[in-house]
Amino acid sequence: MLTFGNSFLGFGHVLELSKSPNSALYHADVLNVDKQDDGAAYRLFSHEFLYEVFQTLNSDSKNRGLLIYLFIIGKLNLNLLFILNLL
């Protein structure tokens, strides 16, 4: 579990969203996932899933911590890829 001020992130948040019929994540991306599955990692940090999490937000949403995490880590990954391409 991770905490971000008044928000938190837990495994259950991602699992719950993966169960929705139009989710960008597959249920297998969350449960029994292959640890080297690049596709699962891509789908987790994809803009489609970020938008899906954003759509679930309201004033007291429990997914706020997930949105913060995906945005920050996704942004760090993009910056790292950009730097590595310059080398």
N, C-alpha and C. Protein backbone atom coordinates (compact mmCIF):
# COMPACT_ATOMS: atom_id res chain seq x y z
N MET A 1 0.83 -1.15 0.00
CA MET A 1 0.00 0.00 0.00
C MET A 1 0.89 1.24 0.00
N LEU A 2 0.53 2.21 -0.81
CA LEU A 2 1.21 3.49 -0.87
C LEU A 2 0.24 4.58 -0.45
N THR A 3 0.75 5.62 0.21
CA THR A 3 -0.11 6.74 0.59
C THR A 3 0.41 8.02 -0.06
N PHE A 4 -0.52 8.88 -0.44
CA PHE A 4 -0.23 10.18 -1.05
C PHE A 4 -1.11 11.21 -0.37
N GLY A 5 -0.66 11.81 0.72
CA GLY A 5 -1.49 12.77 1.44
C GLY A 5 -2.75 12.10 1.96
N ASN A 6 -3.90 12.51 1.47
CA ASN A 6 -5.17 11.94 1.90
C ASN A 6 -5.59 10.74 1.05
N SER A 7 -4.81 10.38 0.07
CA SER A 7 -5.15 9.28 -0.84
C SER A 7 -4.21 8.10 -0.62
N PHE A 8 -4.64 6.94 -1.05
CA PHE A 8 -3.79 5.75 -0.94
C PHE A 8 -3.99 4.88 -2.17
N LEU A 9 -3.08 3.97 -2.37
CA LEU A 9 -3.12 3.06 -3.50
C LEU A 9 -2.91 1.65 -2.98
N GLY A 10 -3.79 0.76 -3.39
CA GLY A 10 -3.68 -0.64 -3.02
C GLY A 10 -3.92 -1.52 -4.23
N PHE A 11 -3.56 -2.77 -4.11
CA PHE A 11 -3.73 -3.74 -5.19
C PHE A 11 -5.18 -3.83 -5.64
N GLY A 12 -6.11 -3.72 -4.69
CA GLY A 12 -7.52 -3.84 -4.98
C GLY A 12 -8.05 -2.79 -5.95
N HIS A 13 -7.43 -1.61 -5.95
CA HIS A 13 -7.86 -0.56 -6.87
C HIS A 13 -7.67 -0.99 -8.32
N VAL A 14 -6.51 -1.51 -8.62
CA VAL A 14 -6.20 -1.94 -9.98
C VAL A 14 -7.03 -3.17 -10.34
N LEU A 15 -7.16 -4.09 -9.41
CA LEU A 15 -7.94 -5.31 -9.65
C LEU A 15 -9.39 -4.97 -9.97
N GLU A 16 -9.98 -4.07 -9.21
CA GLU A 16 -11.37 -3.68 -9.43
C GLU A 16 -11.56 -3.06 -10.82
N LEU A 17 -10.65 -2.19 -11.23
CA LEU A 17 -10.76 -1.57 -12.54
C LEU A 17 -10.54 -2.57 -13.67
N SER A 18 -9.71 -3.57 -13.45
CA SER A 18 -9.45 -4.55 -14.50
C SER A 18 -10.67 -5.43 -14.78
N LYS A 19 -11.58 -5.50 -13.83
CA LYS A 19 -12.78 -6.33 -13.98
C LYS A 19 -13.86 -5.66 -14.82
N SER A 20 -13.75 -4.35 -15.05
CA SER A 20 -14.78 -3.67 -15.84
C SER A 20 -14.69 -4.12 -17.30
N PRO A 21 -15.83 -4.21 -17.99
CA PRO A 21 -15.84 -4.79 -19.34
C PRO A 21 -15.03 -4.02 -20.39
N ASN A 22 -14.90 -2.73 -20.24
CA ASN A 22 -14.17 -1.93 -21.23
C ASN A 22 -12.81 -1.48 -20.74
N SER A 23 -12.25 -2.18 -19.79
CA SER A 23 -10.98 -1.78 -19.20
C SER A 23 -9.82 -1.94 -20.17
N ALA A 24 -8.85 -1.03 -20.08
CA ALA A 24 -7.63 -1.13 -20.88
C ALA A 24 -6.76 -2.28 -20.39
N LEU A 25 -6.95 -2.69 -19.14
CA LEU A 25 -6.20 -3.81 -18.56
C LEU A 25 -7.00 -5.10 -18.70
N TYR A 26 -6.30 -6.18 -18.90
CA TYR A 26 -6.92 -7.49 -18.85
C TYR A 26 -6.86 -7.98 -17.41
N HIS A 27 -7.80 -8.82 -17.05
CA HIS A 27 -7.80 -9.38 -15.70
C HIS A 27 -6.50 -10.15 -15.44
N ALA A 28 -5.97 -10.81 -16.46
CA ALA A 28 -4.71 -11.56 -16.32
C ALA A 28 -3.49 -10.63 -16.16
N ASP A 29 -3.66 -9.34 -16.48
CA ASP A 29 -2.57 -8.37 -16.26
C ASP A 29 -2.37 -8.11 -14.77
N VAL A 30 -3.39 -8.40 -13.97
CA VAL A 30 -3.34 -8.11 -12.54
C VAL A 30 -3.13 -9.39 -11.73
N LEU A 31 -3.86 -10.44 -12.07
CA LEU A 31 -3.73 -11.71 -11.35
C LEU A 31 -2.91 -12.69 -12.18
N ASN A 32 -2.00 -13.39 -11.53
CA ASN A 32 -1.16 -14.41 -12.18
C ASN A 32 -0.41 -13.87 -13.38
N VAL A 33 0.08 -12.67 -13.26
CA VAL A 33 0.77 -12.03 -14.37
C VAL A 33 2.19 -12.57 -14.51
N ASP A 34 2.63 -12.71 -15.74
CA ASP A 34 4.02 -13.07 -16.03
C ASP A 34 4.86 -11.85 -15.67
N LYS A 35 5.87 -12.03 -14.86
CA LYS A 35 6.67 -10.90 -14.37
C LYS A 35 7.44 -10.18 -15.48
N GLN A 36 7.57 -10.82 -16.63
CA GLN A 36 8.29 -10.19 -17.74
C GLN A 36 7.34 -9.82 -18.87
N ASP A 37 6.08 -9.64 -18.56
CA ASP A 37 5.08 -9.30 -19.57
C ASP A 37 5.12 -7.80 -19.82
N ASP A 38 5.82 -7.39 -20.87
CA ASP A 38 5.93 -5.97 -21.20
C ASP A 38 4.58 -5.37 -21.57
N GLY A 39 3.72 -6.17 -22.18
CA GLY A 39 2.40 -5.69 -22.57
C GLY A 39 1.56 -5.29 -21.37
N ALA A 40 1.66 -6.06 -20.28
CA ALA A 40 0.91 -5.73 -19.06
C ALA A 40 1.40 -4.42 -18.47
N ALA A 41 2.71 -4.23 -18.45
CA ALA A 41 3.27 -2.97 -17.95
C ALA A 41 2.86 -1.80 -18.83
N TYR A 42 2.88 -2.01 -20.14
CA TYR A 42 2.47 -0.95 -21.06
C TYR A 42 1.01 -0.57 -20.84
N ARG A 43 0.14 -1.57 -20.70
CA ARG A 43 -1.28 -1.30 -20.51
C ARG A 43 -1.55 -0.60 -19.17
N LEU A 44 -0.77 -0.94 -18.14
CA LEU A 44 -0.97 -0.31 -16.84
C LEU A 44 -0.65 1.19 -16.90
N PHE A 45 0.39 1.56 -17.63
CA PHE A 45 0.80 2.97 -17.70
C PHE A 45 0.33 3.65 -18.98
N SER A 46 -0.57 3.02 -19.71
CA SER A 46 -1.06 3.61 -20.96
C SER A 46 -1.99 4.79 -20.69
N HIS A 47 -2.11 5.66 -21.67
CA HIS A 47 -3.00 6.81 -21.50
C HIS A 47 -4.46 6.36 -21.44
N GLU A 48 -4.77 5.21 -22.04
CA GLU A 48 -6.14 4.70 -21.97
C GLU A 48 -6.52 4.34 -20.53
N PHE A 49 -5.61 3.66 -19.83
CA PHE A 49 -5.90 3.27 -18.46
C PHE A 49 -5.89 4.49 -17.54
N LEU A 50 -4.97 5.43 -17.79
CA LEU A 50 -4.93 6.66 -17.01
C LEU A 50 -6.26 7.41 -17.15
N TYR A 51 -6.79 7.47 -18.36
CA TYR A 51 -8.07 8.13 -18.59
C TYR A 51 -9.21 7.36 -17.92
N GLU A 52 -9.13 6.05 -17.95
CA GLU A 52 -10.14 5.22 -17.28
C GLU A 52 -10.18 5.50 -15.78
N VAL A 53 -9.00 5.62 -15.17
CA VAL A 53 -8.93 5.94 -13.74
C VAL A 53 -9.47 7.34 -13.50
N PHE A 54 -9.11 8.28 -14.37
CA PHE A 54 -9.58 9.66 -14.23
C PHE A 54 -11.11 9.73 -14.28
N GLN A 55 -11.72 8.93 -15.14
CA GLN A 55 -13.17 8.94 -15.27
C GLN A 55 -13.88 8.43 -14.01
N THR A 56 -13.19 7.65 -13.20
CA THR A 56 -13.82 7.11 -11.99
C THR A 56 -13.73 8.08 -10.81
N LEU A 57 -13.03 9.17 -10.98
CA LEU A 57 -12.83 10.09 -9.86
C LEU A 57 -14.10 10.88 -9.57
N ASN A 58 -14.30 11.14 -8.31
CA ASN A 58 -15.26 12.12 -7.84
C ASN A 58 -14.67 12.77 -6.60
N SER A 59 -15.41 13.55 -5.89
CA SER A 59 -14.84 14.32 -4.78
C SER A 59 -14.23 13.44 -3.67
N ASP A 60 -14.73 12.23 -3.47
CA ASP A 60 -14.18 11.36 -2.42
C ASP A 60 -13.71 10.02 -3.00
N SER A 61 -13.18 10.05 -4.19
CA SER A 61 -12.81 8.81 -4.88
C SER A 61 -11.63 8.11 -4.23
N LYS A 62 -11.71 6.80 -4.19
CA LYS A 62 -10.60 6.02 -3.66
C LYS A 62 -9.51 5.80 -4.71
N ASN A 63 -9.77 6.17 -5.97
CA ASN A 63 -8.79 5.96 -7.04
C ASN A 63 -7.87 7.16 -7.25
N ARG A 64 -7.97 8.17 -6.43
CA ARG A 64 -7.11 9.34 -6.57
C ARG A 64 -5.63 8.97 -6.41
N GLY A 65 -5.33 8.10 -5.44
CA GLY A 65 -3.95 7.66 -5.22
C GLY A 65 -3.42 6.91 -6.42
N LEU A 66 -4.25 6.09 -7.05
CA LEU A 66 -3.85 5.36 -8.25
C LEU A 66 -3.55 6.32 -9.39
N LEU A 67 -4.38 7.33 -9.56
CA LEU A 67 -4.16 8.31 -10.61
C LEU A 67 -2.84 9.05 -10.41
N ILE A 68 -2.56 9.44 -9.17
CA ILE A 68 -1.30 10.14 -8.86
C ILE A 68 -0.11 9.23 -9.17
N TYR A 69 -0.17 7.98 -8.74
CA TYR A 69 0.92 7.04 -8.96
C TYR A 69 1.17 6.82 -10.45
N LEU A 70 0.11 6.53 -11.20
CA LEU A 70 0.27 6.27 -12.64
C LEU A 70 0.83 7.48 -13.37
N PHE A 71 0.39 8.67 -12.99
CA PHE A 71 0.88 9.87 -13.64
C PHE A 71 2.36 10.10 -13.35
N ILE A 72 2.74 10.03 -12.09
CA ILE A 72 4.14 10.30 -11.72
C ILE A 72 5.09 9.24 -12.26
N ILE A 73 4.80 7.97 -12.05
CA ILE A 73 5.68 6.90 -12.51
C ILE A 73 5.71 6.86 -14.03
N GLY A 74 4.56 7.04 -14.67
CA GLY A 74 4.51 7.08 -16.13
C GLY A 74 5.34 8.21 -16.69
N LYS A 75 5.29 9.37 -16.05
CA LYS A 75 6.07 10.52 -16.49
C LYS A 75 7.56 10.26 -16.31
N LEU A 76 7.94 9.64 -15.20
CA LEU A 76 9.35 9.31 -14.98
C LEU A 76 9.85 8.32 -16.03
N ASN A 77 9.03 7.34 -16.38
CA ASN A 77 9.42 6.37 -17.40
C ASN A 77 9.62 7.04 -18.76
N LEU A 78 8.73 7.97 -19.11
CA LEU A 78 8.88 8.69 -20.39
C LEU A 78 10.16 9.50 -20.41
N ASN A 79 10.46 10.18 -19.30
CA ASN A 79 11.69 10.98 -19.23
C ASN A 79 12.93 10.10 -19.33
N LEU A 80 12.90 8.95 -18.68
CA LEU A 80 14.03 8.03 -18.73
C LEU A 80 14.24 7.50 -20.15
N LEU A 81 13.16 7.13 -20.83
CA LEU A 81 13.27 6.66 -22.21
C LEU A 81 13.82 7.75 -23.12
N PHE A 82 13.39 8.96 -22.91
CA PHE A 82 13.89 10.08 -23.71
C PHE A 82 15.39 10.27 -23.49
N ILE A 83 15.84 10.22 -22.24
CA ILE A 83 17.26 10.38 -21.93
C ILE A 83 18.07 9.24 -22.53
N LEU A 84 17.58 8.02 -22.40
CA LEU A 84 18.32 6.87 -22.94
C LEU A 84 18.43 6.92 -24.45
N ASN A 85 17.42 7.46 -25.12
CA ASN A 85 17.49 7.60 -26.58
C ASN A 85 18.50 8.64 -27.02
N LEU A 86 18.83 9.58 -26.12
CA LEU A 86 19.82 10.62 -26.44
C LEU A 86 21.25 10.08 -26.33
N LEU A 87 21.44 9.02 -25.56
CA LEU A 87 22.79 8.49 -25.33
C LEU A 87 23.30 7.70 -26.50
